[in-house]
N, C-alpha and C. Protein backbone atom coordinates (compact mmCIF):
# COMPACT_ATOMS: atom_id res chain seq x y z
N UNK A 1 26.16 76.52 347.13
CA UNK A 1 26.16 77.47 348.14
C UNK A 1 25.05 78.31 348.53
N UNK A 2 25.34 78.59 350.12
CA UNK A 2 23.75 78.97 350.41
C UNK A 2 24.42 80.86 351.47
N UNK A 3 24.27 81.45 351.50
CA UNK A 3 24.90 82.46 352.23
C UNK A 3 23.74 82.99 352.66
N UNK A 4 24.24 82.91 354.31
CA UNK A 4 22.95 83.22 355.17
C UNK A 4 23.49 85.37 356.45
N UNK A 5 22.52 85.72 355.41
CA UNK A 5 22.70 87.60 355.43
C UNK A 5 21.99 87.52 357.25
N UNK A 6 22.42 88.64 358.33
CA UNK A 6 22.33 89.10 358.80
C UNK A 6 22.79 90.27 359.34
N UNK A 7 22.04 90.97 360.33
CA UNK A 7 22.14 92.25 360.62
C UNK A 7 21.82 93.54 360.92
N UNK A 8 20.85 93.15 359.97
CA UNK A 8 20.20 94.79 359.21
C UNK A 8 19.76 94.99 360.47
N UNK A 9 19.47 96.92 360.66
CA UNK A 9 18.21 96.74 360.93
C UNK A 9 17.95 98.60 360.76
N UNK A 10 17.44 99.46 361.76
CA UNK A 10 17.04 100.77 361.49
C UNK A 10 18.09 101.44 362.68
N UNK A 11 18.97 102.93 362.37
CA UNK A 11 19.50 102.73 362.86
C UNK A 11 19.41 104.89 363.04
N UNK A 12 20.09 105.28 363.38
CA UNK A 12 19.81 107.07 363.50
C UNK A 12 21.59 107.09 362.49
N UNK A 13 21.50 108.51 362.41
CA UNK A 13 22.58 108.60 361.60
C UNK A 13 23.65 108.92 362.96
N UNK A 14 25.08 108.88 362.58
CA UNK A 14 26.14 108.77 362.98
C UNK A 14 26.37 107.00 363.60
N UNK A 15 25.05 106.48 363.89
CA UNK A 15 25.23 105.41 363.72
C UNK A 15 25.95 104.11 364.02
N UNK A 16 26.36 102.57 364.33
CA UNK A 16 26.80 101.64 364.03
C UNK A 16 25.44 100.26 363.56
N UNK A 17 25.97 99.72 363.11
CA UNK A 17 25.68 98.57 362.86
C UNK A 17 26.51 97.22 362.43
N UNK A 18 26.44 96.43 362.84
CA UNK A 18 27.12 94.46 362.40
C UNK A 18 26.22 94.05 361.55
N UNK A 19 27.31 93.80 359.92
CA UNK A 19 26.30 92.29 359.17
C UNK A 19 27.34 90.75 359.29
N UNK A 20 26.51 89.92 359.81
CA UNK A 20 27.27 88.96 359.21
C UNK A 20 26.94 87.90 358.05
N UNK A 21 27.42 87.02 357.53
CA UNK A 21 27.48 87.00 356.51
C UNK A 21 27.73 85.00 356.67
N UNK A 22 27.25 83.75 356.90
CA UNK A 22 27.49 82.68 357.07
C UNK A 22 27.69 82.26 355.50
N UNK A 23 28.59 81.29 355.22
CA UNK A 23 28.40 80.52 353.56
C UNK A 23 28.74 79.25 354.14
N UNK A 24 27.48 78.26 352.99
CA UNK A 24 27.78 77.04 353.30
C UNK A 24 27.65 76.46 352.13
N UNK A 25 28.00 75.49 352.42
CA UNK A 25 27.86 74.05 351.09
C UNK A 25 29.29 74.44 350.04
N UNK A 26 29.31 73.94 348.84
CA UNK A 26 30.18 74.04 348.17
C UNK A 26 31.33 74.95 348.59
N UNK A 27 31.50 74.90 349.82
CA UNK A 27 32.78 76.09 350.34
C UNK A 27 34.17 75.66 349.91
N UNK A 28 35.42 76.75 349.21
CA UNK A 28 36.30 76.49 349.53
C UNK A 28 37.60 77.38 349.55
N UNK A 29 37.13 77.69 350.96
CA UNK A 29 37.81 79.03 351.65
C UNK A 29 36.61 80.11 351.18
N UNK A 30 36.69 81.43 352.11
CA UNK A 30 36.43 82.23 352.09
C UNK A 30 37.07 83.90 351.22
N UNK A 31 37.60 83.65 350.36
CA UNK A 31 38.61 84.54 349.67
C UNK A 31 36.77 85.11 348.67
N UNK A 32 37.62 85.88 347.33
CA UNK A 32 36.56 86.86 347.05
C UNK A 32 34.97 86.11 347.86
N UNK A 33 34.87 86.61 348.33
CA UNK A 33 33.55 86.73 349.41
C UNK A 33 32.74 88.03 349.82
N UNK A 34 31.99 88.65 349.96
CA UNK A 34 32.17 90.29 350.44
C UNK A 34 30.53 91.02 350.79
N UNK A 35 30.54 92.27 350.06
CA UNK A 35 29.10 92.74 350.59
C UNK A 35 29.06 94.18 349.42
N UNK A 36 27.84 93.52 348.61
CA UNK A 36 27.16 94.78 348.12
C UNK A 36 25.69 94.93 348.23
N UNK A 37 25.78 96.57 347.43
CA UNK A 37 24.09 97.24 348.43
C UNK A 37 23.92 97.75 346.92
N UNK A 38 21.90 97.49 347.14
CA UNK A 38 21.96 98.19 346.34
C UNK A 38 20.35 99.24 346.87
N UNK A 39 20.08 100.41 346.45
CA UNK A 39 19.13 101.17 347.24
C UNK A 39 18.04 101.09 346.19
N UNK A 40 17.15 102.13 346.19
CA UNK A 40 15.52 101.75 346.15
C UNK A 40 16.17 102.87 344.60
N UNK A 41 16.28 102.82 343.17
CA UNK A 41 16.10 103.17 341.80
C UNK A 41 17.58 103.08 341.63
N UNK A 42 19.05 102.54 342.17
CA UNK A 42 19.96 102.30 341.95
C UNK A 42 20.52 101.56 341.95
N UNK A 43 21.92 101.38 340.53
CA UNK A 43 21.93 100.09 340.29
C UNK A 43 23.04 99.28 341.99
N UNK A 44 23.11 97.77 342.37
CA UNK A 44 23.76 97.30 342.89
C UNK A 44 25.57 97.95 342.83
N UNK A 45 25.98 98.01 343.45
CA UNK A 45 26.68 98.36 344.33
C UNK A 45 28.47 97.92 344.79
N UNK A 46 29.16 97.14 344.82
CA UNK A 46 30.22 96.52 345.64
C UNK A 46 30.21 97.94 346.69
N UNK A 47 30.26 97.54 348.15
CA UNK A 47 30.66 97.92 349.36
C UNK A 47 31.97 97.83 349.70
N UNK A 48 32.68 96.49 349.99
CA UNK A 48 33.47 95.66 350.46
C UNK A 48 33.53 94.22 350.39
N UNK A 49 35.49 93.91 349.71
CA UNK A 49 35.48 92.74 349.25
C UNK A 49 36.47 92.06 349.71
N UNK A 50 36.51 90.92 350.10
CA UNK A 50 38.02 90.08 349.87
C UNK A 50 38.35 89.79 348.37
N UNK A 51 39.54 89.68 348.32
CA UNK A 51 39.73 89.54 346.65
C UNK A 51 40.25 88.36 346.51
N UNK A 52 40.14 87.60 345.51
CA UNK A 52 41.11 86.20 345.26
C UNK A 52 42.14 86.10 346.15
N UNK A 53 42.49 86.84 346.04
CA UNK A 53 44.20 86.61 346.63
C UNK A 53 44.82 87.75 347.75
N UNK A 54 43.47 88.10 348.16
CA UNK A 54 43.22 88.79 349.57
C UNK A 54 43.17 89.76 350.12
N UNK A 55 43.39 89.99 349.06
CA UNK A 55 43.43 92.23 349.44
C UNK A 55 41.85 92.97 349.55
N UNK A 56 41.54 93.39 349.78
CA UNK A 56 40.53 94.32 350.08
C UNK A 56 39.87 94.98 349.51
N UNK A 57 39.20 95.14 348.74
CA UNK A 57 38.26 96.80 347.98
C UNK A 57 37.15 96.96 349.19
N UNK A 58 37.27 98.51 349.35
CA UNK A 58 35.67 99.32 349.80
C UNK A 58 35.29 100.03 348.90
N UNK A 59 34.70 100.82 348.45
CA UNK A 59 33.90 101.88 347.65
C UNK A 59 34.41 102.93 348.34
N UNK A 60 34.46 104.12 347.45
CA UNK A 60 35.00 105.35 348.44
C UNK A 60 34.16 105.66 348.91
N UNK A 61 32.85 105.84 348.94
CA UNK A 61 31.66 106.22 350.25
C UNK A 61 31.72 105.32 351.12
N UNK A 62 32.56 104.41 351.63
CA UNK A 62 32.58 103.93 352.64
C UNK A 62 34.13 103.69 353.69
N UNK A 63 34.66 104.16 352.63
CA UNK A 63 36.21 104.16 353.39
C UNK A 63 36.87 105.61 354.69
N UNK A 64 37.20 104.24 355.52
CA UNK A 64 37.40 104.81 356.45
C UNK A 64 36.19 105.14 357.65
N UNK A 65 34.82 104.32 357.15
CA UNK A 65 33.69 104.15 357.85
C UNK A 65 33.17 102.26 358.38
N UNK A 66 33.34 101.92 357.27
CA UNK A 66 33.78 100.69 357.19
C UNK A 66 34.59 99.67 356.95
N UNK A 67 34.47 98.17 357.90
CA UNK A 67 35.53 97.56 357.50
C UNK A 67 35.03 96.35 357.42
N UNK A 68 35.14 95.33 356.85
CA UNK A 68 35.26 94.05 356.68
C UNK A 68 35.72 93.11 357.08
N UNK A 69 35.60 92.10 357.39
CA UNK A 69 36.72 91.45 358.47
C UNK A 69 36.01 89.89 358.29
N UNK A 70 36.30 88.91 358.43
CA UNK A 70 35.99 87.63 358.58
C UNK A 70 36.84 86.47 359.30
N UNK A 71 35.88 85.47 359.46
CA UNK A 71 36.57 84.45 360.19
C UNK A 71 36.43 82.68 359.81
N UNK A 72 37.65 82.43 359.06
CA UNK A 72 37.76 81.46 358.15
C UNK A 72 37.38 80.19 358.24
N UNK A 73 37.04 80.19 359.63
CA UNK A 73 36.75 78.96 360.68
C UNK A 73 35.46 79.05 360.59
N UNK A 74 34.95 80.02 360.55
CA UNK A 74 33.13 79.45 360.62
C UNK A 74 33.24 80.26 358.91
N UNK A 75 33.99 79.80 358.35
CA UNK A 75 32.77 80.95 356.79
C UNK A 75 32.43 81.66 357.17
N UNK A 76 32.51 82.48 357.96
CA UNK A 76 31.98 83.78 357.89
C UNK A 76 32.31 85.12 357.85
N UNK A 77 31.73 86.56 356.70
CA UNK A 77 32.38 87.66 356.41
C UNK A 77 31.67 88.68 356.97
N UNK A 78 32.30 90.02 358.46
CA UNK A 78 31.05 91.06 358.50
C UNK A 78 31.52 92.08 358.05
N UNK A 79 30.79 93.05 357.96
CA UNK A 79 30.72 94.08 357.59
C UNK A 79 30.56 94.95 359.26
N UNK A 80 31.44 95.32 359.47
CA UNK A 80 31.42 96.15 360.85
C UNK A 80 30.71 97.96 359.99
N UNK A 81 30.15 97.86 360.34
CA UNK A 81 29.39 99.99 360.05
C UNK A 81 28.87 100.89 360.56
N UNK A 82 29.94 102.21 361.28
CA UNK A 82 30.11 103.21 361.44
C UNK A 82 29.86 104.21 360.95
N UNK A 83 29.60 105.04 362.26
CA UNK A 83 28.89 106.98 360.69
C UNK A 83 28.42 106.19 359.76
N UNK A 84 27.06 105.53 360.15
CA UNK A 84 26.57 105.80 359.05
C UNK A 84 25.57 107.12 358.42
N UNK A 85 24.88 107.26 357.68
CA UNK A 85 24.68 108.01 357.11
C UNK A 85 23.27 107.63 356.11
N UNK A 86 22.20 108.61 356.00
CA UNK A 86 21.64 108.33 355.67
C UNK A 86 21.51 107.65 353.91
N UNK A 87 22.69 108.29 353.52
CA UNK A 87 22.78 107.75 352.20
C UNK A 87 23.20 105.94 352.09
N UNK A 88 23.70 105.85 353.24
CA UNK A 88 23.93 104.36 353.36
C UNK A 88 23.02 102.66 353.65
N UNK A 89 21.60 104.00 353.02
CA UNK A 89 20.06 103.30 353.32
C UNK A 89 20.23 102.31 351.55
N UNK A 90 19.81 101.21 352.35
CA UNK A 90 20.38 100.23 351.02
C UNK A 90 20.07 98.81 352.15
N UNK A 91 19.72 97.96 350.61
CA UNK A 91 19.82 96.59 351.05
C UNK A 91 20.84 95.94 350.75
N UNK A 92 21.18 95.10 351.66
CA UNK A 92 22.45 95.19 351.74
C UNK A 92 22.67 93.59 351.67
N UNK A 93 23.85 92.92 350.05
CA UNK A 93 24.13 91.44 349.69
C UNK A 93 25.12 90.97 350.04
N UNK A 94 25.23 89.73 350.43
CA UNK A 94 26.51 89.39 351.11
C UNK A 94 26.50 88.54 349.34
N UNK A 95 27.98 88.56 349.16
CA UNK A 95 28.30 88.01 347.92
C UNK A 95 29.27 86.93 347.83
N UNK A 96 29.61 85.97 347.23
CA UNK A 96 30.47 84.90 347.23
C UNK A 96 30.72 84.52 345.67
N UNK A 97 31.84 84.58 345.19
CA UNK A 97 32.27 83.65 343.67
C UNK A 97 33.58 83.08 343.40
N UNK A 98 32.86 81.79 342.79
CA UNK A 98 34.09 80.51 343.55
C UNK A 98 33.48 79.81 341.59
N UNK A 99 34.51 79.60 341.05
CA UNK A 99 34.15 79.00 339.13
C UNK A 99 33.35 79.65 338.98
N UNK A 100 33.86 80.71 338.38
CA UNK A 100 32.83 81.18 336.88
C UNK A 100 31.33 81.37 337.43
N UNK A 101 30.67 81.50 339.10
CA UNK A 101 30.18 81.73 339.36
C UNK A 101 29.96 83.03 340.69
N UNK A 102 28.85 83.53 339.92
CA UNK A 102 28.25 84.86 341.59
C UNK A 102 27.36 83.92 342.43
N UNK A 103 27.67 84.05 343.54
CA UNK A 103 26.40 83.82 344.32
C UNK A 103 25.77 84.64 344.95
N UNK A 104 24.77 84.88 345.36
CA UNK A 104 23.82 86.41 345.78
C UNK A 104 23.10 85.42 347.57
N UNK A 105 23.51 86.11 348.61
CA UNK A 105 22.62 86.00 350.21
C UNK A 105 21.50 86.67 349.55
N UNK A 106 20.46 86.51 350.79
CA UNK A 106 18.54 87.60 350.02
C UNK A 106 19.10 88.59 350.85
N UNK A 107 19.71 89.07 351.15
CA UNK A 107 20.19 90.48 351.36
C UNK A 107 19.03 91.00 352.95
N UNK A 108 19.79 92.14 353.53
CA UNK A 108 19.42 92.21 354.32
C UNK A 108 19.06 94.36 354.63
N UNK A 109 17.86 94.49 354.93
CA UNK A 109 18.08 95.79 354.83
C UNK A 109 18.20 96.53 356.10
N UNK A 110 18.79 97.67 355.28
CA UNK A 110 20.46 98.46 356.51
C UNK A 110 18.48 100.09 356.19
N UNK A 111 18.14 100.37 356.96
CA UNK A 111 17.93 101.97 357.14
C UNK A 111 18.59 102.60 357.98
N UNK A 112 18.79 104.14 357.49
CA UNK A 112 19.44 105.43 358.30
C UNK A 112 18.45 106.26 358.74
N UNK A 113 17.93 106.26 359.22
CA UNK A 113 17.18 108.22 359.35
C UNK A 113 17.51 108.67 360.00
N UNK A 114 17.76 110.20 359.80
CA UNK A 114 18.54 111.61 360.01
C UNK A 114 17.89 112.33 360.72
């Protein structure tokens, strides 16, 4: 399984970014796929993800600002991030879970300036 994330960058507070993650390899659907982030000195945390039953989990801190979506035909998951805040600054990782294994993409840096 390979995960290729893109779309990070530098944005001012209040701005928007859209992250994309393409999954390839031994993929059987893209349920249980989503986004995590890790800020300097902090643990990696869930941002938003599809569960294996098709529901969506969001971190409380991003509800109403971030939206996860997917294109099953392209094995791609997106994260639309609006109203960004400096505390959203982190490396964002795409993640996929299958057969008792969790896979990670290479991470994409999101920096929000105040």
